[in-house]
């Protein structure tokens, strides 16, 4: 077997335990954390409990952000025992906790962001003077790919996996106030409402995510890191309510082939299997919908005589001009095909608003039949299925010992629908249990409150944009296809279900 930091095709540690799953592991407790106001504050309290090692692995980190924000952006900070700002807090931990290792791994291309962040350079230089802090950039992946996992591991006992980066533009409350003055970048510029999600776990799943994080650290050029003995004492933050107790967590990965490391597409396999297995409904919050395989899987379900209800919550537009060209128009093409296949009116893609301001959806959370909850870093795009390094975790009530988790999954779905529609969670539960569908609920309540879910109206796609989106040159399925426009037929492959549905919709031919 290869050493823990190694990456060989015959490594037992690296192999999938079953199709679509790297590991199953028990946890004593777990909770989904919605939005970064709670996540940043809870992570700060969790890191205060660390005694041996903190590993922070992510797409981006910004040491200038504050982990706790006052009720008013202009309010003077009250006296605290420790700093609020991330960089100062990590250095405070290194000074006050002897023997504590703090390792931060950030995607390598982010070095350009790093150079533009001014005071962050000073932070990293100051951190270098601390023996216990190591800050590293990860460049060990094919050209055009990124390190996209968002994982934190504390003492191999407590871990987080989800969609929230500890960086700027992420902090927001669940109320997503339209003009919240506290949503400001470190230099003072305001940003818009931002919706996100992650999961905190305590138990053996944290140890497994520690293995995954140390392997990534080693691959990025860091020294091999040994496993530590997790403490017996609980590290669970006392302010975080426990949603799941004594459940088994599944872990799935994406990794592109690179040097001695084989390709891993567990996340894609698991997602396609879960879409195919849904019996009643799928509720999903995700940043993108540009994967033809995922769209094809959804389209096959919609074609069935009695398809499941499928509700997707996504941002109105992608974040950034280049992302809009790559993602928005590809989504428009796929959604037109899905709408054509929706013969029983069971499909809806919605954009959340606060007042007249769209809320950006960065979460990657999906619930199937209130039986399966999955959350992680992977989007519904090609990059997350085969290019970028990703990690998702999931709870499946069908696994032995997990049946008691279903009520908490249902409560989470009700909570999210209540948040987006601007109504009470109890009202969501009452209506859904009385026979209403999610679509009924959204159309009744989600259009008239200050918080609303508005139906996505696919923009018209001219021939130039259709060609760019269809080529998948900015969202390829494999690294080598990044330089081969229309590799394997592109977005709407000739003869595919989505191509036939799109062509019918374009010609105005109805079923």
Protein backbone atom coordinates (compact mmCIF):
# COMPACT_ATOMS: atom_id res chain seq x y z
CA UNK A 1 0.00 0.00 0.00
CA UNK A 2 1.20 3.53 -0.75
CA UNK A 3 1.95 5.85 2.13
CA UNK A 4 -0.85 8.12 3.25
CA UNK A 5 0.34 11.05 1.17
CA UNK A 6 0.96 8.93 -1.90
CA UNK A 7 -1.40 8.45 -4.81
CA UNK A 8 -1.09 5.14 -6.66
CA UNK A 9 -3.70 3.22 -8.60
CA UNK A 10 -3.38 0.13 -6.38
CA UNK A 11 -3.57 2.00 -3.07
CA UNK A 12 -6.26 0.48 -0.87
CA UNK A 13 -6.56 3.77 0.96
CA UNK A 14 -7.27 5.60 -2.31
CA UNK A 15 -9.74 3.11 -3.80
CA UNK A 16 -13.54 3.48 -3.75
CA UNK A 17 -15.28 1.20 -1.28
CA UNK A 18 -18.19 0.85 -3.73
CA UNK A 19 -19.25 2.63 -6.95
CA UNK A 20 -19.72 6.30 -6.16
CA UNK A 21 -18.42 6.13 -2.58
CA UNK A 22 -14.90 6.49 -1.18
CA UNK A 23 -15.71 5.73 2.46
CA UNK A 24 -18.52 5.21 4.92
CA UNK A 25 -17.82 6.39 8.47
CA UNK A 26 -19.79 6.87 11.67
CA UNK A 27 -20.32 10.17 13.44
CA UNK A 28 -21.69 10.85 16.90
CA UNK A 29 -23.30 14.09 15.76
CA UNK A 30 -23.69 16.20 12.62
CA UNK A 31 -25.48 19.39 11.59
CA UNK A 32 -25.99 21.38 8.40
CA UNK A 33 -24.99 25.03 8.79
CA UNK A 34 -26.80 27.45 6.52
CA UNK A 35 -25.00 30.65 5.49
CA UNK A 36 -21.69 32.07 6.60
CA UNK A 37 -22.80 34.23 9.53
CA UNK A 38 -23.33 31.07 11.57
CA UNK A 39 -20.54 29.11 9.91
CA UNK A 40 -17.79 31.67 10.53
CA UNK A 41 -18.82 32.17 14.16
CA UNK A 42 -19.14 28.42 14.81
CA UNK A 43 -15.81 27.66 13.15
CA UNK A 44 -14.09 30.22 15.35
CA UNK A 45 -15.47 28.57 18.47
CA UNK A 46 -14.56 25.12 17.15
CA UNK A 47 -10.97 26.18 16.44
CA UNK A 48 -10.67 27.48 20.01
CA UNK A 49 -11.07 23.85 21.13
CA UNK A 50 -8.22 22.57 18.92
CA UNK A 51 -5.21 21.17 20.75
CA UNK A 52 -3.19 19.30 18.12
CA UNK A 53 -3.99 20.23 14.52
CA UNK A 54 -6.22 22.45 12.39
CA UNK A 55 -6.32 21.74 8.67
CA UNK A 56 -8.11 24.22 6.42
CA UNK A 57 -8.36 23.05 2.80
CA UNK A 58 -10.19 25.22 0.29
CA UNK A 59 -10.60 26.94 -3.03
CA UNK A 60 -9.99 30.30 -1.40
CA UNK A 61 -9.04 31.88 1.92
CA UNK A 62 -8.86 35.54 2.81
CA UNK A 63 -7.15 36.29 6.10
CA UNK A 64 -8.71 39.79 6.14
CA UNK A 65 -12.30 38.62 6.74
CA UNK A 66 -13.95 38.86 10.17
CA UNK A 67 -15.33 35.65 11.64
CA UNK A 68 -17.83 37.58 13.77
CA UNK A 69 -19.70 40.65 12.58
CA UNK A 70 -21.59 43.14 14.76
CA UNK A 71 -25.24 44.04 14.31
CA UNK A 72 -24.20 47.22 12.49
CA UNK A 73 -21.25 47.51 10.17
CA UNK A 74 -20.20 50.79 11.79
CA UNK A 75 -20.48 49.56 15.38
CA UNK A 76 -17.32 49.52 17.47
CA UNK A 77 -16.14 45.98 18.28
CA UNK A 78 -16.72 44.99 21.87
CA UNK A 79 -13.81 43.71 23.91
CA UNK A 80 -12.99 40.06 23.26
CA UNK A 81 -10.43 37.59 24.48
CA UNK A 82 -9.38 36.80 20.91
CA UNK A 83 -9.39 38.59 17.53
CA UNK A 84 -12.26 38.43 15.05
CA UNK A 85 -10.15 38.80 11.89
CA UNK A 86 -9.16 35.39 10.46
CA UNK A 87 -5.44 36.07 10.03
CA UNK A 88 -5.03 37.64 13.46
CA UNK A 89 -7.08 34.85 15.04
CA UNK A 90 -4.91 32.06 13.56
CA UNK A 91 -1.78 33.78 14.84
CA UNK A 92 -3.43 34.27 18.25
CA UNK A 93 -4.15 30.54 18.37
CA UNK A 94 -0.52 29.72 17.51
CA UNK A 95 0.66 31.94 20.37
CA UNK A 96 -1.78 30.68 22.97
CA UNK A 97 -1.94 26.95 22.25
CA UNK A 98 1.48 25.30 22.52
CA UNK A 99 2.11 22.55 20.00
CA UNK A 100 -0.89 23.39 17.80
CA UNK A 101 -0.33 22.85 14.05
CA UNK A 102 -2.28 25.11 11.70
CA UNK A 103 -2.09 24.21 8.03
CA UNK A 104 -3.88 26.18 5.31
CA UNK A 105 -4.06 24.84 1.74
CA UNK A 106 -5.41 27.17 -0.94
CA UNK A 107 -5.88 26.65 -4.69
CA UNK A 108 -2.72 27.77 -6.48
CA UNK A 109 -4.27 30.08 -9.07
CA UNK A 110 -5.57 32.04 -6.12
CA UNK A 111 -2.03 33.43 -5.76
CA UNK A 112 -3.13 36.16 -8.18
CA UNK A 113 -6.05 36.99 -5.86
CA UNK A 114 -3.56 36.88 -3.01
CA UNK A 115 -1.29 39.47 -4.64
CA UNK A 116 -4.26 41.81 -5.13
CA UNK A 117 -5.33 41.64 -1.49
CA UNK A 118 -2.75 43.94 0.00
CA UNK A 119 -2.75 43.31 3.73
CA UNK A 120 -3.16 39.57 3.20
CA UNK A 121 0.44 39.50 1.97
CA UNK A 122 1.52 40.98 5.29
CA UNK A 123 -0.56 38.35 7.10
CA UNK A 124 1.12 35.45 5.30
CA UNK A 125 4.57 36.93 5.92
CA UNK A 126 3.74 37.29 9.60
CA UNK A 127 2.37 33.72 9.73
CA UNK A 128 5.67 32.44 8.32
CA UNK A 129 7.33 33.54 11.56
CA UNK A 130 5.17 31.11 13.52
CA UNK A 131 6.49 27.57 13.71
CA UNK A 132 2.97 26.18 14.03
CA UNK A 133 1.43 27.84 10.93
CA UNK A 134 2.04 26.70 7.35
CA UNK A 135 0.28 28.35 4.39
CA UNK A 136 0.57 26.52 1.05
CA UNK A 137 -0.75 26.92 -2.50
CA UNK A 138 -1.96 23.84 -4.39
CA UNK A 139 -0.92 23.71 -8.06
CA UNK A 140 -0.78 19.92 -8.48
CA UNK A 141 -3.56 19.33 -10.99
CA UNK A 142 -3.94 19.44 -14.79
CA UNK A 143 -3.86 22.78 -16.57
CA UNK A 144 -7.24 24.47 -16.30
CA UNK A 145 -8.39 22.42 -13.29
CA UNK A 146 -8.75 23.76 -9.76
CA UNK A 147 -8.67 22.58 -6.18
CA UNK A 148 -12.30 23.16 -5.18
CA UNK A 149 -12.83 21.18 -1.95
CA UNK A 150 -13.92 23.12 1.15
CA UNK A 151 -12.84 21.01 4.13
CA UNK A 152 -11.81 21.82 7.70
CA UNK A 153 -10.52 19.16 10.12
CA UNK A 154 -9.80 19.77 13.81
CA UNK A 155 -7.78 17.18 15.74
CA UNK A 156 -9.12 14.43 13.42
CA UNK A 157 -12.24 14.59 15.62
CA UNK A 158 -14.35 17.42 14.17
CA UNK A 159 -14.69 18.22 10.48
CA UNK A 160 -16.60 20.40 8.04
CA UNK A 161 -17.35 19.66 4.39
CA UNK A 162 -19.53 21.80 2.16
CA UNK A 163 -19.64 24.84 -0.06
CA UNK A 164 -18.50 27.75 2.12
CA UNK A 165 -15.03 29.21 1.62
CA UNK A 166 -13.51 31.31 4.41
CA UNK A 167 -13.12 34.30 2.16
CA UNK A 168 -14.68 37.63 1.19
CA UNK A 169 -18.16 37.98 -0.33
CA UNK A 170 -19.44 34.95 1.63
CA UNK A 171 -20.72 36.38 4.92
CA UNK A 172 -24.49 36.75 5.07
CA UNK A 173 -27.40 35.95 7.36
CA UNK A 174 -30.30 33.62 6.64
CA UNK A 175 -32.58 36.65 6.40
CA UNK A 176 -30.51 37.92 3.42
CA UNK A 177 -31.62 41.49 4.00
CA UNK A 178 -31.76 43.37 0.73
CA UNK A 179 -29.56 46.25 1.86
CA UNK A 180 -27.58 44.79 4.76
CA UNK A 181 -24.72 47.23 5.37
CA UNK A 182 -22.66 44.50 7.03
CA UNK A 183 -22.08 42.76 3.69
CA UNK A 184 -18.83 44.51 2.88
CA UNK A 185 -15.47 43.39 1.57
CA UNK A 186 -12.39 44.10 3.70
CA UNK A 187 -11.73 47.32 1.74
CA UNK A 188 -15.33 48.47 2.30
CA UNK A 189 -17.07 47.74 -1.01
CA UNK A 190 -20.56 46.25 -0.65
CA UNK A 191 -21.62 42.94 -2.20
CA UNK A 192 -25.01 41.29 -2.69
CA UNK A 193 -26.93 38.60 -0.79
CA UNK A 194 -25.20 35.19 -0.71
CA UNK A 195 -26.73 31.80 0.17
CA UNK A 196 -24.52 28.85 1.11
CA UNK A 197 -24.38 25.65 3.15
CA UNK A 198 -21.96 23.20 4.77
CA UNK A 199 -22.04 20.28 7.23
CA UNK A 200 -20.17 19.86 10.52
CA UNK A 201 -19.46 16.31 11.77
CA UNK A 202 -17.87 14.79 14.86
CA UNK A 203 -16.59 11.24 14.80
CA UNK A 204 -14.79 8.84 12.48
CA UNK A 205 -15.89 10.74 9.35
CA UNK A 206 -13.64 13.57 10.58
CA UNK A 207 -10.71 11.14 10.70
CA UNK A 208 -11.43 10.05 7.13
CA UNK A 209 -11.62 13.66 5.95
CA UNK A 210 -8.33 14.19 7.77
CA UNK A 211 -6.78 11.42 5.66
CA UNK A 212 -8.16 13.03 2.51
CA UNK A 213 -6.84 16.46 3.52
CA UNK A 214 -3.37 15.18 4.38
CA UNK A 215 -3.20 13.34 1.05
CA UNK A 216 -4.06 16.56 -0.74
CA UNK A 217 -1.45 18.44 1.30
CA UNK A 218 1.22 15.92 0.34
CA UNK A 219 0.22 16.01 -3.33
CA UNK A 220 0.52 19.80 -3.26
CA UNK A 221 4.19 19.43 -2.31
CA UNK A 222 3.90 19.48 1.46
CA UNK A 223 5.71 17.09 3.73
CA UNK A 224 3.89 13.89 4.74
CA UNK A 225 1.75 14.46 7.84
CA UNK A 226 1.15 11.67 10.30
CA UNK A 227 -2.24 10.78 11.72
CA UNK A 228 -2.94 11.91 15.27
CA UNK A 229 -4.94 10.30 18.05
CA UNK A 230 -8.31 12.02 18.21
CA UNK A 231 -9.21 13.23 21.70
CA UNK A 232 -11.92 11.46 23.64
CA UNK A 233 -13.43 14.77 24.72
CA UNK A 234 -16.06 16.22 22.41
CA UNK A 235 -15.03 19.25 20.35
CA UNK A 236 -18.60 20.05 19.30
CA UNK A 237 -19.33 23.82 19.58
CA UNK A 238 -21.89 24.24 22.35
CA UNK A 239 -23.86 26.86 20.39
CA UNK A 240 -24.54 24.52 17.44
CA UNK A 241 -27.76 22.47 17.77
CA UNK A 242 -27.30 18.81 16.81
CA UNK A 243 -29.51 17.69 13.90
CA UNK A 244 -28.19 14.14 13.40
CA UNK A 245 -26.91 11.75 16.04
CA UNK A 246 -25.14 8.40 15.59
CA UNK A 247 -25.42 8.21 11.81
CA UNK A 248 -23.22 6.88 9.06
CA UNK A 249 -21.76 9.42 6.62
CA UNK A 250 -20.73 8.60 3.07
CA UNK A 251 -17.89 10.46 1.36
CA UNK A 252 -17.52 10.89 -2.42
CA UNK A 253 -14.78 12.55 -4.46
CA UNK A 254 -13.87 13.95 -7.85
CA UNK A 255 -10.27 14.03 -9.06
CA UNK A 256 -8.80 14.41 -12.54
CA UNK A 257 -6.02 12.07 -13.69
CA UNK A 258 -2.68 13.74 -12.97
CA UNK A 259 0.81 12.24 -12.90
CA UNK A 260 0.59 9.02 -10.85
CA UNK A 261 -2.96 9.69 -9.67
CA UNK A 262 -5.91 8.01 -11.37
CA UNK A 263 -9.18 9.71 -12.29
CA UNK A 264 -11.98 9.54 -9.71
CA UNK A 265 -15.61 10.31 -10.61
CA UNK A 266 -17.42 9.08 -7.50
CA UNK A 267 -19.51 12.22 -7.16
CA UNK A 268 -20.87 11.90 -10.70
CA UNK A 269 -21.66 8.20 -10.30
CA UNK A 270 -23.39 8.71 -6.98
CA UNK A 271 -25.43 11.67 -8.22
CA UNK A 272 -26.64 9.86 -11.33
CA UNK A 273 -27.62 6.85 -9.22
CA UNK A 274 -29.47 9.04 -6.72
CA UNK A 275 -31.37 10.90 -9.47
CA UNK A 276 -32.37 7.58 -11.00
CA UNK A 277 -33.46 6.23 -7.60
CA UNK A 278 -35.66 9.12 -6.45
CA UNK A 279 -39.26 7.99 -6.02
CA UNK A 280 -41.20 11.12 -5.01
CA UNK A 281 -39.08 14.25 -5.33
CA UNK A 282 -35.70 15.91 -5.65
CA UNK A 283 -34.96 19.24 -3.97
CA UNK A 284 -31.66 20.84 -4.93
CA UNK A 285 -29.73 24.04 -4.35
CA UNK A 286 -26.77 24.43 -6.67
CA UNK A 287 -24.69 27.07 -8.37
CA UNK A 288 -24.83 25.65 -11.90
CA UNK A 289 -26.64 23.26 -14.25
CA UNK A 290 -24.39 22.66 -17.24
CA UNK A 291 -23.56 18.95 -17.09
CA UNK A 292 -25.26 17.13 -20.00
CA UNK A 293 -25.11 13.87 -18.06
CA UNK A 294 -27.00 15.35 -15.11
CA UNK A 295 -29.53 17.06 -17.41
CA UNK A 296 -29.98 13.79 -19.31
CA UNK A 297 -30.59 11.93 -16.02
CA UNK A 298 -33.21 14.51 -14.97
CA UNK A 299 -34.76 14.44 -18.46
CA UNK A 300 -35.17 10.66 -18.34
CA UNK A 301 -37.06 10.96 -15.07
CA UNK A 302 -39.32 13.72 -16.46
CA UNK A 303 -40.23 11.50 -19.44
CA UNK A 304 -41.66 8.83 -17.16
CA UNK A 305 -45.48 8.44 -16.96
CA UNK A 306 -45.44 9.54 -13.30
CA UNK A 307 -42.17 11.43 -12.76
CA UNK A 308 -40.90 12.68 -9.41
CA UNK A 309 -41.23 16.35 -8.57
CA UNK A 310 -37.91 18.13 -9.23
CA UNK A 311 -37.24 21.58 -7.75
CA UNK A 312 -33.93 23.32 -8.45
CA UNK A 313 -32.91 26.55 -6.68
CA UNK A 314 -30.10 28.39 -8.46
CA UNK A 315 -28.72 31.92 -8.90
CA UNK A 316 -30.26 34.17 -11.55
CA UNK A 317 -26.87 34.63 -13.25
CA UNK A 318 -23.39 33.29 -12.63
CA UNK A 319 -20.86 35.27 -10.61
CA UNK A 320 -18.59 36.99 -13.15
CA UNK A 321 -18.63 37.71 -16.88
CA UNK A 322 -16.61 34.66 -17.94
CA UNK A 323 -18.72 32.32 -15.79
CA UNK A 324 -21.85 33.81 -17.35
CA UNK A 325 -20.61 33.02 -20.86
CA UNK A 326 -19.65 29.48 -19.88
CA UNK A 327 -22.51 28.59 -17.55
CA UNK A 328 -25.58 30.79 -18.03
CA UNK A 329 -26.16 30.08 -21.70
CA UNK A 330 -25.37 26.38 -21.35
CA UNK A 331 -27.98 26.21 -18.57
CA UNK A 332 -30.49 28.05 -20.78
CA UNK A 333 -30.07 25.47 -23.55
CA UNK A 334 -30.48 22.54 -21.16
CA UNK A 335 -33.46 24.02 -19.32
CA UNK A 336 -35.32 24.61 -22.57
CA UNK A 337 -34.94 20.89 -23.25
CA UNK A 338 -36.02 19.92 -19.72
CA UNK A 339 -39.10 22.15 -19.94
CA UNK A 340 -40.00 20.40 -23.19
CA UNK A 341 -39.74 16.98 -21.50
CA UNK A 342 -41.82 18.08 -18.47
CA UNK A 343 -45.16 16.65 -19.67
CA UNK A 344 -46.66 16.44 -16.14
CA UNK A 345 -45.50 19.87 -14.86
CA UNK A 346 -43.25 18.32 -12.22
CA UNK A 347 -40.10 20.39 -12.94
CA UNK A 348 -39.20 23.88 -11.81
CA UNK A 349 -35.97 25.89 -11.68
CA UNK A 350 -36.23 28.96 -9.45
CA UNK A 351 -34.11 31.98 -8.52
CA UNK A 352 -34.33 33.32 -4.95
CA UNK A 353 -34.91 37.04 -4.36
CA UNK A 354 -34.92 39.36 -1.37
CA UNK A 355 -37.12 42.26 -2.35
CA UNK A 356 -36.06 43.02 -5.93
CA UNK A 357 -32.49 41.81 -5.42
CA UNK A 358 -31.47 38.30 -6.53
CA UNK A 359 -29.72 36.13 -3.94
CA UNK A 360 -26.62 34.37 -5.22
CA UNK A 361 -26.85 30.62 -4.60
CA UNK A 362 -23.47 29.06 -3.88
CA UNK A 363 -24.81 26.07 -1.91
CA UNK A 364 -24.38 22.51 -3.21
CA UNK A 365 -27.14 20.65 -1.35
CA UNK A 366 -29.60 18.03 -2.62
CA UNK A 367 -32.35 16.08 -0.85
CA UNK A 368 -33.96 12.97 -2.34
CA UNK A 369 -37.33 11.85 -0.92
CA UNK A 370 -36.27 13.07 2.55
CA UNK A 371 -34.27 9.83 2.58
CA UNK A 372 -30.93 11.08 1.27
CA UNK A 373 -29.12 14.33 2.05
CA UNK A 374 -25.95 15.23 0.21
CA UNK A 375 -23.88 18.35 0.63
CA UNK A 376 -20.41 19.34 -0.46
CA UNK A 377 -18.33 21.36 -2.90
CA UNK A 378 -19.51 19.86 -6.21
CA UNK A 379 -21.65 21.84 -8.65
CA UNK A 380 -23.89 20.38 -11.36
CA UNK A 381 -21.31 21.20 -14.02
CA UNK A 382 -18.72 19.19 -15.91
CA UNK A 383 -15.81 20.61 -13.93
CA UNK A 384 -17.15 19.20 -10.66
CA UNK A 385 -17.83 15.81 -12.24
CA UNK A 386 -14.37 15.22 -13.69
CA UNK A 387 -11.88 18.10 -13.55
CA UNK A 388 -11.70 19.86 -10.21
CA UNK A 389 -10.90 18.20 -6.89
CA UNK A 390 -14.22 17.92 -5.04
CA UNK A 391 -15.63 16.31 -1.91
CA UNK A 392 -19.28 15.64 -1.03
CA UNK A 393 -20.71 13.96 2.05
CA UNK A 394 -24.13 12.33 2.36
CA UNK A 395 -26.54 10.67 4.76
CA UNK A 396 -28.66 7.83 3.35
CA UNK A 397 -31.51 6.64 5.55
CA UNK A 398 -31.39 3.25 3.82
CA UNK A 399 -27.99 2.51 5.35
CA UNK A 400 -28.08 0.33 8.49
CA UNK A 401 -28.70 2.44 11.58
CA UNK A 402 -29.64 5.60 9.66
CA UNK A 403 -33.44 5.34 9.52
CA UNK A 404 -33.84 7.82 12.39
CA UNK A 405 -32.17 10.57 10.29
CA UNK A 406 -35.16 11.00 7.94
CA UNK A 407 -37.08 13.37 10.20
CA UNK A 408 -34.12 15.74 10.41
CA UNK A 409 -33.66 15.67 6.63
CA UNK A 410 -37.33 16.53 6.18
CA UNK A 411 -37.05 19.37 8.71
CA UNK A 412 -34.03 20.76 6.84
CA UNK A 413 -35.94 20.81 3.54
CA UNK A 414 -38.88 22.54 5.21
CA UNK A 415 -36.53 25.09 6.75
CA UNK A 416 -34.93 25.92 3.40
CA UNK A 417 -38.28 26.24 1.62
CA UNK A 418 -39.55 28.47 4.43
CA UNK A 419 -36.46 30.68 4.15
CA UNK A 420 -36.78 31.08 0.38
CA UNK A 421 -40.56 31.63 0.39
CA UNK A 422 -40.68 33.99 3.35
CA UNK A 423 -43.04 31.89 5.49
CA UNK A 424 -42.78 29.93 8.72
CA UNK A 425 -41.29 26.44 8.72
CA UNK A 426 -44.38 25.10 10.49
CA UNK A 427 -46.56 26.38 7.64
CA UNK A 428 -44.36 24.60 5.08
CA UNK A 429 -44.65 21.36 7.04
CA UNK A 430 -48.42 21.74 7.40
CA UNK A 431 -49.03 22.32 3.70
CA UNK A 432 -46.69 19.62 2.43
CA UNK A 433 -48.10 17.05 4.84
CA UNK A 434 -51.64 17.97 3.81
CA UNK A 435 -50.91 17.04 0.20
CA UNK A 436 -49.45 20.14 -1.41
CA UNK A 437 -46.35 19.73 -3.55
CA UNK A 438 -43.27 21.90 -3.33
CA UNK A 439 -44.29 23.54 -6.59
CA UNK A 440 -47.75 24.28 -5.16
CA UNK A 441 -46.13 25.89 -2.14
CA UNK A 442 -43.69 27.95 -4.20
CA UNK A 443 -46.31 29.25 -6.60
CA UNK A 444 -48.69 30.12 -3.74
CA UNK A 445 -46.23 31.80 -1.38
CA UNK A 446 -42.96 32.20 -3.19
CA UNK A 447 -44.08 34.97 -5.52
CA UNK A 448 -45.68 37.52 -3.22
CA UNK A 449 -43.44 37.94 -0.17
CA UNK A 450 -40.30 40.00 0.28
CA UNK A 451 -38.47 36.68 0.08
CA UNK A 452 -39.48 34.86 -3.07
CA UNK A 453 -38.61 32.07 -5.48
CA UNK A 454 -39.15 33.27 -9.03
CA UNK A 455 -39.37 30.89 -12.00
CA UNK A 456 -36.23 30.93 -14.12
CA UNK A 457 -36.87 32.35 -17.58
CA UNK A 458 -34.16 30.97 -19.91
CA UNK A 459 -32.58 33.88 -21.80
CA UNK A 460 -32.50 33.82 -25.57
CA UNK A 461 -29.25 32.38 -26.84
CA UNK A 462 -27.91 33.80 -30.09
CA UNK A 463 -25.80 31.66 -32.40
CA UNK A 464 -22.48 32.99 -31.12
CA UNK A 465 -23.33 32.29 -27.48
CA UNK A 466 -24.88 28.96 -28.41
CA UNK A 467 -21.63 27.98 -30.10
CA UNK A 468 -19.51 29.03 -27.10
CA UNK A 469 -21.81 27.29 -24.60
CA UNK A 470 -22.23 24.23 -26.79
CA UNK A 471 -18.50 23.79 -27.27
CA UNK A 472 -17.97 23.24 -23.51
CA UNK A 473 -14.52 24.77 -23.99
CA UNK A 474 -14.86 26.55 -20.62
CA UNK A 475 -16.62 23.63 -18.89
CA UNK A 476 -15.16 20.44 -20.39
CA UNK A 477 -15.83 16.91 -19.18
CA UNK A 478 -12.13 15.96 -19.12
CA UNK A 479 -8.90 18.00 -18.93
CA UNK A 480 -7.83 17.08 -22.46
CA UNK A 481 -11.14 18.37 -23.85
CA UNK A 482 -10.37 21.89 -22.64
CA UNK A 483 -8.47 22.46 -25.86
CA UNK A 484 -10.85 20.48 -28.09
CA UNK A 485 -14.07 22.44 -28.72
CA UNK A 486 -17.09 20.18 -29.30
CA UNK A 487 -15.15 17.16 -28.06
CA UNK A 488 -17.52 14.18 -28.07
CA UNK A 489 -20.24 16.33 -29.61
CA UNK A 490 -20.33 19.18 -27.12
CA UNK A 491 -23.18 20.18 -24.82
CA UNK A 492 -26.07 18.96 -26.98
CA UNK A 493 -24.70 15.78 -28.45
CA UNK A 494 -26.29 14.60 -31.68
CA UNK A 495 -28.95 11.98 -30.93
CA UNK A 496 -29.01 12.63 -27.18
CA UNK A 497 -32.26 13.04 -25.29
CA UNK A 498 -31.46 16.67 -24.49
CA UNK A 499 -30.61 17.47 -28.13
CA UNK A 500 -33.89 16.00 -29.36
CA UNK A 501 -35.87 17.85 -26.67
CA UNK A 502 -34.11 21.15 -27.41
CA UNK A 503 -34.69 20.81 -31.16
CA UNK A 504 -38.41 20.18 -30.56
CA UNK A 505 -38.64 23.20 -28.29
CA UNK A 506 -36.80 25.37 -30.82
CA UNK A 507 -39.12 24.33 -33.66
CA UNK A 508 -42.19 24.78 -31.46
CA UNK A 509 -43.17 21.14 -31.86
CA UNK A 510 -45.18 20.05 -28.84
CA UNK A 511 -45.87 16.54 -27.65
